[in-house]
């Protein structure tokens, strides 16, 4: 083997090792920072100032007097459908991002209610799946919004007092100290939960929907300058990462802060320690996992073929 070949092999090995080494350093750095934050939170909670602050702001803001109590059944169904569609949207979005050369394309049937003057655009099956799931997610979201405001349930996820800020800080410190705030999601969410749900429902969801629409063939050409394609792409992927992070944290906290009671609230619309919520949660996970693994070319092709022409 020549010196040039040896140097090339060493360089390739070094290049391959650098990303892995970088990830190790980043992971180690995150662990160290989290450990320091935990130690700082535990120290501060033990001071007189920390104790007084948490006593004054326990981590929960009081709800308005006329706020509804409990979690209704419709919210449980909405919760499941939203999670179901969101997981599949993430799955299909990742397919789009990792598919270099689509093997098949879909063209809408230009007939009936969806007939247009312009010729339908041809899109990949991965994009078709993503957009179809987007439509279902948005329809579910519209129903959710209507019921949310019609029943007054919005008061549970919209801050109604400025003390949400110090209470959110208090809840964050309690989480970091590993001595978590008291939980009773049936009656009221803690301040950090309220802010997180508000951000997901009223900020992240609309941003994801609008930027997704901008990248779809349905976006009106006359509005191109209002939201440039490149700007939409730069925002859409980070929004997906935000949803992924929220889902991971949400599921983790649900399971670690009284799994049976939390799952009963969310899936069975009841406040007890029974097993119905766990059973329904298991069914929901199985359905979502089944749909995830069903996102195969043969299945996508069959579904897309019901509403358009499949071509290469």
Protein backbone atom coordinates (compact mmCIF):
# COMPACT_ATOMS: atom_id res chain seq x y z
CA UNK A 1 0.00 0.00 0.00
CA UNK A 2 1.41 3.42 -0.96
CA UNK A 3 1.88 6.28 1.48
CA UNK A 4 -0.82 8.23 -0.37
CA UNK A 5 -3.30 5.39 0.07
CA UNK A 6 -2.41 5.01 3.76
CA UNK A 7 -2.81 8.76 4.36
CA UNK A 8 -6.16 8.69 2.57
CA UNK A 9 -7.40 5.79 4.68
CA UNK A 10 -6.28 7.49 7.88
CA UNK A 11 -7.97 10.71 6.84
CA UNK A 12 -11.22 8.89 6.07
CA UNK A 13 -11.11 7.12 9.44
CA UNK A 14 -10.43 10.39 11.24
CA UNK A 15 -13.31 12.11 9.43
CA UNK A 16 -15.67 9.26 10.34
CA UNK A 17 -14.57 9.35 13.97
CA UNK A 18 -14.96 13.12 14.38
CA UNK A 19 -18.81 13.20 14.25
CA UNK A 20 -19.03 10.36 16.78
CA UNK A 21 -16.53 12.07 19.07
CA UNK A 22 -18.42 15.33 18.76
CA UNK A 23 -21.67 13.62 19.77
CA UNK A 24 -19.96 12.09 22.80
CA UNK A 25 -18.67 15.48 23.92
CA UNK A 26 -22.06 17.11 23.40
CA UNK A 27 -23.81 14.35 25.37
CA UNK A 28 -21.26 14.63 28.18
CA UNK A 29 -21.68 18.41 28.23
CA UNK A 30 -25.46 18.15 28.46
CA UNK A 31 -25.19 15.65 31.34
CA UNK A 32 -22.77 17.93 33.22
CA UNK A 33 -25.01 20.99 32.74
CA UNK A 34 -28.09 19.08 33.92
CA UNK A 35 -26.22 17.80 36.96
CA UNK A 36 -25.13 21.35 37.86
CA UNK A 37 -28.69 22.61 37.44
CA UNK A 38 -30.01 19.86 39.71
CA UNK A 39 -27.43 20.70 42.38
CA UNK A 40 -28.19 24.43 42.10
CA UNK A 41 -31.95 23.83 42.34
CA UNK A 42 -31.58 21.57 45.38
CA UNK A 43 -29.28 24.10 47.09
CA UNK A 44 -31.61 27.03 46.41
CA UNK A 45 -34.66 25.16 47.67
CA UNK A 46 -32.84 24.62 50.94
CA UNK A 47 -32.26 28.34 51.49
CA UNK A 48 -34.71 30.58 53.34
CA UNK A 49 -35.31 32.61 50.20
CA UNK A 50 -36.05 29.47 48.18
CA UNK A 51 -38.46 28.09 50.76
CA UNK A 52 -40.32 31.42 50.99
CA UNK A 53 -40.57 31.70 47.20
CA UNK A 54 -41.97 28.20 46.71
CA UNK A 55 -44.41 28.73 49.58
CA UNK A 56 -45.65 31.93 47.95
CA UNK A 57 -45.65 30.40 44.45
CA UNK A 58 -46.23 26.63 44.74
CA UNK A 59 -46.19 26.11 40.97
CA UNK A 60 -49.93 26.39 40.24
CA UNK A 61 -52.00 29.41 39.22
CA UNK A 62 -55.61 29.45 40.37
CA UNK A 63 -58.20 28.91 37.66
CA UNK A 64 -61.11 31.33 37.17
CA UNK A 65 -64.10 30.50 39.38
CA UNK A 66 -66.25 29.42 36.44
CA UNK A 67 -63.59 27.15 34.90
CA UNK A 68 -64.85 23.59 34.20
CA UNK A 69 -63.68 20.76 36.43
CA UNK A 70 -62.26 17.50 35.15
CA UNK A 71 -61.39 16.24 31.68
CA UNK A 72 -64.37 15.43 29.42
CA UNK A 73 -64.52 12.38 27.16
CA UNK A 74 -64.31 14.46 23.98
CA UNK A 75 -60.95 15.81 25.11
CA UNK A 76 -59.67 12.26 25.61
CA UNK A 77 -60.60 11.35 22.04
CA UNK A 78 -59.11 14.58 20.73
CA UNK A 79 -55.94 13.89 22.69
CA UNK A 80 -55.58 10.42 21.16
CA UNK A 81 -56.31 11.55 17.60
CA UNK A 82 -53.94 14.50 17.88
CA UNK A 83 -51.12 12.26 19.13
CA UNK A 84 -51.93 9.60 16.51
CA UNK A 85 -51.81 12.04 13.59
CA UNK A 86 -48.79 13.88 14.99
CA UNK A 87 -46.70 10.71 15.30
CA UNK A 88 -47.57 9.73 11.73
CA UNK A 89 -46.88 13.25 10.47
CA UNK A 90 -43.42 13.04 12.03
CA UNK A 91 -42.97 9.61 10.44
CA UNK A 92 -44.01 10.80 6.97
CA UNK A 93 -41.99 14.01 7.32
CA UNK A 94 -38.90 11.96 8.07
CA UNK A 95 -39.62 9.80 5.01
CA UNK A 96 -39.64 12.94 2.86
CA UNK A 97 -36.40 14.17 4.40
CA UNK A 98 -34.56 10.85 3.95
CA UNK A 99 -35.91 9.80 0.53
CA UNK A 100 -33.44 11.00 -2.10
CA UNK A 101 -35.26 9.64 -5.14
CA UNK A 102 -38.97 8.85 -4.80
CA UNK A 103 -39.95 5.61 -6.53
CA UNK A 104 -43.52 6.67 -7.30
CA UNK A 105 -45.62 9.80 -7.71
CA UNK A 106 -49.28 10.72 -7.23
CA UNK A 107 -51.43 13.00 -9.37
CA UNK A 108 -54.84 14.05 -8.08
CA UNK A 109 -57.96 13.03 -10.03
CA UNK A 110 -59.22 16.31 -11.44
CA UNK A 111 -62.92 15.45 -11.16
CA UNK A 112 -65.91 16.04 -8.91
CA UNK A 113 -65.70 18.47 -6.00
CA UNK A 114 -61.93 18.80 -6.38
CA UNK A 115 -61.95 19.68 -10.08
CA UNK A 116 -59.81 22.74 -10.86
CA UNK A 117 -59.03 24.78 -13.97
CA UNK A 118 -55.31 24.24 -13.56
CA UNK A 119 -53.66 20.89 -14.12
CA UNK A 120 -52.98 18.98 -10.87
CA UNK A 121 -49.33 18.84 -9.82
CA UNK A 122 -47.48 15.55 -9.51
CA UNK A 123 -46.04 14.88 -6.05
CA UNK A 124 -44.19 11.95 -4.48
CA UNK A 125 -46.11 9.36 -2.50
CA UNK A 126 -44.20 10.43 0.63
CA UNK A 127 -45.42 14.01 0.21
CA UNK A 128 -48.96 12.75 -0.50
CA UNK A 129 -48.96 10.81 2.76
CA UNK A 130 -47.61 13.77 4.72
CA UNK A 131 -50.16 16.21 3.27
CA UNK A 132 -53.06 13.78 3.77
CA UNK A 133 -52.15 13.36 7.43
CA UNK A 134 -51.77 17.13 7.74
CA UNK A 135 -55.34 17.60 6.53
CA UNK A 136 -56.70 15.08 9.05
CA UNK A 137 -54.65 16.69 11.84
CA UNK A 138 -55.91 20.17 10.96
CA UNK A 139 -59.54 19.01 10.79
CA UNK A 140 -59.13 17.40 14.20
CA UNK A 141 -57.51 20.62 15.43
CA UNK A 142 -60.42 22.74 14.23
CA UNK A 143 -62.89 20.48 16.05
CA UNK A 144 -60.68 20.68 19.14
CA UNK A 145 -60.62 24.51 19.03
CA UNK A 146 -64.40 24.74 18.66
CA UNK A 147 -65.02 22.42 21.61
CA UNK A 148 -62.25 24.03 23.65
CA UNK A 149 -63.86 27.47 23.53
CA UNK A 150 -67.47 26.25 23.51
CA UNK A 151 -67.02 24.35 26.79
CA UNK A 152 -64.72 26.81 28.56
CA UNK A 153 -61.92 24.24 28.68
CA UNK A 154 -59.59 26.86 27.20
CA UNK A 155 -59.20 28.29 30.72
CA UNK A 156 -57.15 25.23 31.66
CA UNK A 157 -54.43 25.87 29.06
CA UNK A 158 -54.49 29.65 28.59
CA UNK A 159 -52.75 31.79 31.24
CA UNK A 160 -55.30 34.06 32.91
CA UNK A 161 -53.02 35.69 35.49
CA UNK A 162 -49.48 37.11 35.51
CA UNK A 163 -48.58 34.91 38.48
CA UNK A 164 -48.18 32.14 35.90
CA UNK A 165 -44.60 33.44 35.43
CA UNK A 166 -43.26 33.01 39.00
CA UNK A 167 -45.29 29.82 39.38
CA UNK A 168 -43.73 28.42 36.21
CA UNK A 169 -40.27 29.27 37.57
CA UNK A 170 -41.20 27.58 40.85
CA UNK A 171 -42.42 24.44 39.06
CA UNK A 172 -39.23 24.36 37.00
CA UNK A 173 -37.06 24.58 40.11
CA UNK A 174 -39.06 21.80 41.76
CA UNK A 175 -38.63 19.56 38.72
CA UNK A 176 -34.89 20.27 38.58
CA UNK A 177 -34.47 19.57 42.30
CA UNK A 178 -36.04 16.13 41.68
CA UNK A 179 -38.64 16.95 44.35
CA UNK A 180 -41.44 17.46 41.88
CA UNK A 181 -44.48 19.72 42.32
CA UNK A 182 -47.72 18.14 43.48
CA UNK A 183 -49.85 16.97 40.57
CA UNK A 184 -53.61 16.80 40.07
CA UNK A 185 -54.22 17.21 36.37
CA UNK A 186 -57.90 16.44 36.84
CA UNK A 187 -58.40 19.78 38.57
CA UNK A 188 -55.57 22.00 37.34
CA UNK A 189 -52.26 21.81 35.49
CA UNK A 190 -49.12 23.28 36.98
CA UNK A 191 -47.86 26.54 35.51
CA UNK A 192 -45.18 24.94 33.31
CA UNK A 193 -47.75 22.55 31.86
CA UNK A 194 -50.10 25.44 31.09
CA UNK A 195 -47.36 27.33 29.25
CA UNK A 196 -46.27 24.19 27.38
CA UNK A 197 -49.84 23.35 26.27
CA UNK A 198 -50.45 26.97 25.29
CA UNK A 199 -47.27 26.99 23.19
CA UNK A 200 -48.19 23.72 21.47
CA UNK A 201 -51.83 24.59 20.72
CA UNK A 202 -51.63 28.30 19.91
CA UNK A 203 -48.07 28.75 18.62
CA UNK A 204 -46.36 25.59 17.37
CA UNK A 205 -49.46 24.05 15.75
CA UNK A 206 -50.41 27.13 13.67
CA UNK A 207 -46.77 27.70 12.66
CA UNK A 208 -46.43 24.07 11.54
CA UNK A 209 -49.72 24.20 9.63
CA UNK A 210 -48.93 27.47 7.83
CA UNK A 211 -45.36 26.58 6.89
CA UNK A 212 -46.51 23.12 5.79
CA UNK A 213 -49.21 24.66 3.61
CA UNK A 214 -46.61 27.00 2.12
CA UNK A 215 -44.54 24.03 0.95
CA UNK A 216 -47.55 22.22 -0.50
CA UNK A 217 -49.05 22.55 -4.02
CA UNK A 218 -52.19 24.08 -2.44
CA UNK A 219 -50.40 27.34 -1.54
CA UNK A 220 -51.68 30.26 -3.71
CA UNK A 221 -48.90 31.54 -5.99
CA UNK A 222 -49.94 35.16 -5.37
CA UNK A 223 -48.92 34.77 -1.71
CA UNK A 224 -45.41 33.48 -2.43
CA UNK A 225 -43.77 36.77 -1.45
CA UNK A 226 -45.70 36.93 1.83
CA UNK A 227 -43.94 33.77 3.02
CA UNK A 228 -40.88 32.74 0.98
CA UNK A 229 -40.39 29.02 0.49
CA UNK A 230 -36.91 29.05 2.04
CA UNK A 231 -38.21 30.76 5.19
CA UNK A 232 -40.97 28.17 5.53
CA UNK A 233 -38.48 25.31 5.23
CA UNK A 234 -36.19 26.83 7.86
CA UNK A 235 -39.07 27.04 10.33
CA UNK A 236 -40.97 23.84 9.54
CA UNK A 237 -38.27 21.32 10.52
CA UNK A 238 -37.42 22.97 13.88
CA UNK A 239 -41.15 23.05 14.61
CA UNK A 240 -41.22 19.29 14.09
CA UNK A 241 -38.28 18.89 16.49
CA UNK A 242 -40.21 20.97 19.03
CA UNK A 243 -43.17 18.59 18.76
CA UNK A 244 -40.85 15.58 19.14
CA UNK A 245 -39.30 17.08 22.27
CA UNK A 246 -42.72 17.89 23.69
CA UNK A 247 -44.03 14.37 23.03
CA UNK A 248 -41.02 12.76 24.71
CA UNK A 249 -41.23 14.97 27.80
CA UNK A 250 -45.02 14.70 27.95
CA UNK A 251 -45.07 10.89 27.89
CA UNK A 252 -42.18 10.68 30.35
CA UNK A 253 -43.86 12.95 32.91
CA UNK A 254 -47.23 11.23 32.48
CA UNK A 255 -45.64 7.89 33.35
CA UNK A 256 -43.46 9.22 36.17
CA UNK A 257 -46.02 11.36 38.02
CA UNK A 258 -48.74 8.80 38.72
CA UNK A 259 -49.22 6.81 35.52
CA UNK A 260 -52.54 5.15 36.35
CA UNK A 261 -54.24 8.32 37.55
CA UNK A 262 -52.87 10.37 34.63
CA UNK A 263 -53.88 7.80 32.02
CA UNK A 264 -57.36 7.58 33.53
CA UNK A 265 -57.67 11.36 33.21
CA UNK A 266 -56.45 11.42 29.62
CA UNK A 267 -57.98 8.29 28.13
CA UNK A 268 -60.90 7.25 30.34
CA UNK A 269 -62.23 10.69 31.46
CA UNK A 270 -62.30 9.55 35.09
CA UNK A 271 -60.46 10.40 38.29
CA UNK A 272 -59.58 7.16 40.08
CA UNK A 273 -56.85 4.54 40.33
CA UNK A 274 -58.54 1.96 38.11
CA UNK A 275 -56.99 0.28 35.09
CA UNK A 276 -59.30 1.49 32.31
CA UNK A 277 -56.98 4.34 31.34
CA UNK A 278 -54.01 1.98 31.15
CA UNK A 279 -55.95 -0.43 28.93
CA UNK A 280 -57.08 2.34 26.58
CA UNK A 281 -53.55 3.74 26.50
CA UNK A 282 -52.19 0.33 25.52
CA UNK A 283 -54.76 0.12 22.71
CA UNK A 284 -53.82 3.63 21.55
CA UNK A 285 -50.10 2.77 21.54
CA UNK A 286 -50.78 -0.45 19.62
CA UNK A 287 -52.90 1.40 17.04
CA UNK A 288 -50.25 4.10 16.61
CA UNK A 289 -47.42 1.58 16.35
CA UNK A 290 -49.40 -0.44 13.81
CA UNK A 291 -50.01 2.66 11.69
CA UNK A 292 -46.32 3.60 11.98
CA UNK A 293 -45.16 0.24 10.62
CA UNK A 294 -47.92 0.28 7.98
CA UNK A 295 -46.32 3.33 6.34
CA UNK A 296 -44.76 1.11 3.69
CA UNK A 297 -44.68 1.80 -0.09
CA UNK A 298 -47.22 -0.92 -0.89
CA UNK A 299 -49.72 0.46 1.64
CA UNK A 300 -49.14 4.11 0.72
CA UNK A 301 -49.52 3.27 -2.99
CA UNK A 302 -52.84 1.49 -2.39
CA UNK A 303 -54.28 4.36 -0.34
CA UNK A 304 -53.06 7.06 -2.71
CA UNK A 305 -54.47 5.19 -5.69
CA UNK A 306 -57.99 5.71 -4.35
CA UNK A 307 -57.85 9.42 -5.10
CA UNK A 308 -55.36 9.79 -7.91
CA UNK A 309 -53.08 8.29 -10.51
CA UNK A 310 -49.84 6.58 -9.49
CA UNK A 311 -46.86 6.93 -11.83
CA UNK A 312 -43.08 6.69 -11.83
